[in-house]
Protein backbone atom coordinates (compact mmCIF):
# COMPACT_ATOMS: atom_id res chain seq x y z
CA MET A 1 -44.18 32.28 -1.70
CA SER A 2 -44.57 30.68 -5.17
CA ASN A 3 -47.58 29.30 -6.45
CA THR A 4 -45.83 26.17 -6.64
CA ASN A 5 -46.38 25.73 -2.98
CA GLN A 6 -50.04 26.43 -3.21
CA ASN A 7 -50.48 24.22 -6.13
CA VAL A 8 -48.81 21.17 -4.51
CA ALA A 9 -51.11 21.47 -1.60
CA GLU A 10 -54.21 22.11 -3.73
CA GLN A 11 -53.16 19.12 -6.04
CA PHE A 12 -52.86 16.97 -2.91
CA ILE A 13 -56.37 17.64 -2.04
CA GLN A 14 -57.60 16.99 -5.53
CA TYR A 15 -55.86 13.75 -5.54
CA LEU A 16 -57.44 12.75 -2.30
CA ASN A 17 -60.77 13.88 -3.50
CA ASP A 18 -60.26 11.63 -6.74
CA GLU A 19 -59.02 8.84 -4.52
CA ASP A 20 -55.79 8.80 -6.48
CA PHE A 21 -53.69 7.99 -3.46
CA ASP A 22 -50.46 7.17 -5.23
CA LYS A 23 -50.38 10.68 -6.79
CA ALA A 24 -51.41 12.16 -3.45
CA GLU A 25 -48.47 10.32 -1.67
CA SER A 26 -46.11 11.81 -4.42
CA CYS A 27 -46.97 15.23 -3.03
CA LEU A 28 -45.47 14.31 0.36
CA ASP A 29 -41.98 14.41 1.63
CA PRO A 30 -41.16 10.71 2.70
CA GLU A 31 -40.41 12.21 6.13
CA PHE A 32 -43.91 13.76 6.21
CA LYS A 33 -45.60 14.48 9.66
CA PHE A 34 -49.23 14.84 10.39
CA ILE A 35 -50.58 16.40 13.56
CA GLY A 36 -54.19 16.19 14.11
CA VAL A 37 -56.92 16.68 16.78
CA MET A 38 -57.24 12.92 17.23
CA GLY A 39 -53.65 11.86 16.58
CA THR A 40 -50.41 12.17 14.71
CA ARG A 41 -48.66 10.12 11.95
CA GLU A 42 -45.13 10.10 10.91
CA GLY A 43 -44.11 9.12 7.33
CA ALA A 44 -45.80 9.61 4.10
CA SER A 45 -46.67 6.00 3.66
CA VAL A 46 -48.18 5.61 7.18
CA TYR A 47 -50.32 8.65 6.66
CA MET A 48 -51.49 7.56 3.16
CA LYS A 49 -52.35 4.16 4.51
CA ASP A 50 -54.87 5.77 6.73
CA MET A 51 -56.23 8.01 4.01
CA ARG A 52 -56.80 5.07 1.70
CA GLN A 53 -59.10 3.67 4.28
CA MET A 54 -60.82 6.80 5.23
CA LYS A 55 -61.67 8.36 1.75
CA LEU A 56 -62.19 11.93 3.14
CA LYS A 57 -63.50 14.51 0.80
CA TYR A 58 -62.52 18.11 1.00
CA GLN A 59 -64.21 21.34 -0.08
CA ILE A 60 -61.90 24.21 0.10
CA ILE A 61 -63.64 27.42 1.19
CA LYS A 62 -60.57 29.76 1.43
CA THR A 63 -56.79 29.61 0.89
CA PHE A 64 -54.22 31.60 2.78
CA THR A 65 -50.43 31.70 1.93
CA ALA A 66 -47.31 32.96 3.66
CA ASP A 67 -43.88 32.11 2.79
CA GLU A 68 -43.67 28.35 2.30
CA ASP A 69 -46.98 27.76 4.10
CA VAL A 70 -50.37 27.14 2.77
CA CYS A 71 -53.41 27.15 4.95
CA PHE A 72 -56.97 26.02 3.84
CA TRP A 73 -60.27 26.70 5.55
CA TYR A 74 -62.37 23.69 4.35
CA MET A 75 -65.22 21.30 4.87
CA ILE A 76 -64.14 17.64 5.38
CA ASP A 77 -66.64 15.04 4.41
CA MET A 78 -65.88 12.01 6.75
CA GLY A 79 -68.52 9.87 5.46
CA ASN A 80 -71.30 10.12 7.87
CA LYS A 81 -70.18 13.52 9.30
CA THR A 82 -69.00 16.77 7.83
CA VAL A 83 -66.76 19.12 9.85
CA GLU A 84 -65.42 22.64 9.27
CA ALA A 85 -61.59 22.62 9.62
CA SER A 86 -58.40 24.45 8.95
CA GLY A 87 -55.34 22.67 7.53
CA TRP A 88 -51.77 24.13 7.70
CA TYR A 89 -49.45 22.72 5.12
CA GLN A 90 -45.76 23.44 5.34
CA ILE A 91 -43.98 22.90 2.04
CA SER A 92 -40.28 22.37 1.45
CA ASN A 93 -38.64 21.81 -1.85
CA GLY A 94 -41.87 21.28 -3.69
CA LYS A 95 -43.15 18.67 -1.25
CA ILE A 96 -45.54 18.77 1.68
CA LYS A 97 -43.36 18.40 4.75
CA SER A 98 -45.99 18.66 7.47
CA PHE A 99 -49.59 19.09 7.86
CA LYS A 100 -51.60 20.16 10.94
CA VAL A 101 -55.41 20.11 10.97
CA LEU A 102 -57.76 21.68 13.59
CA PHE A 103 -61.45 21.28 13.97
CA ASP A 104 -63.98 20.64 16.77
CA PRO A 105 -64.07 16.94 17.18
CA ARG A 106 -67.32 16.70 19.18
CA PRO A 107 -69.45 15.77 16.20
CA LEU A 108 -67.25 12.75 15.69
CA LEU A 109 -67.60 11.72 19.30
CA ASN A 110 -71.32 12.05 19.34
CA ASP A 111 -71.00 14.91 21.80
CA GLN A 112 -72.78 17.61 19.86
C-alpha cells in the first residue's frame, strides 16, 4: 500500500470539509460507486451532486490501510446530527473507485 492511496482518500475528505467539491470529484474515478446505509449512488458526478447539497463535515479519528484500501473511523457532522461511522475507500490507479460507509442510522430516523 502506498501513501498515495491514503493521501487521495484523506485529500478527498479535506476537500469535502472545505466545500471544494470540484477538487473532491477529481479524487473519484468517473465510474465511482457509493454504498451506504440509506442508499447507493453510481457515478462520480451523481454522488458529488448529493455531496454539494448535504455539505457533510468529517473528523477522522483513525485511519487503517491494507493493500489498495483505506478505512477511516470518523465522526460525520450532518448538520443537525453527528454520527460515528466507518468508511471503506477502495482505490485504483490513484482514484477512489468505491466507497462504503457504515453507521447506525437510528439518530437520523429520530429512533434513538
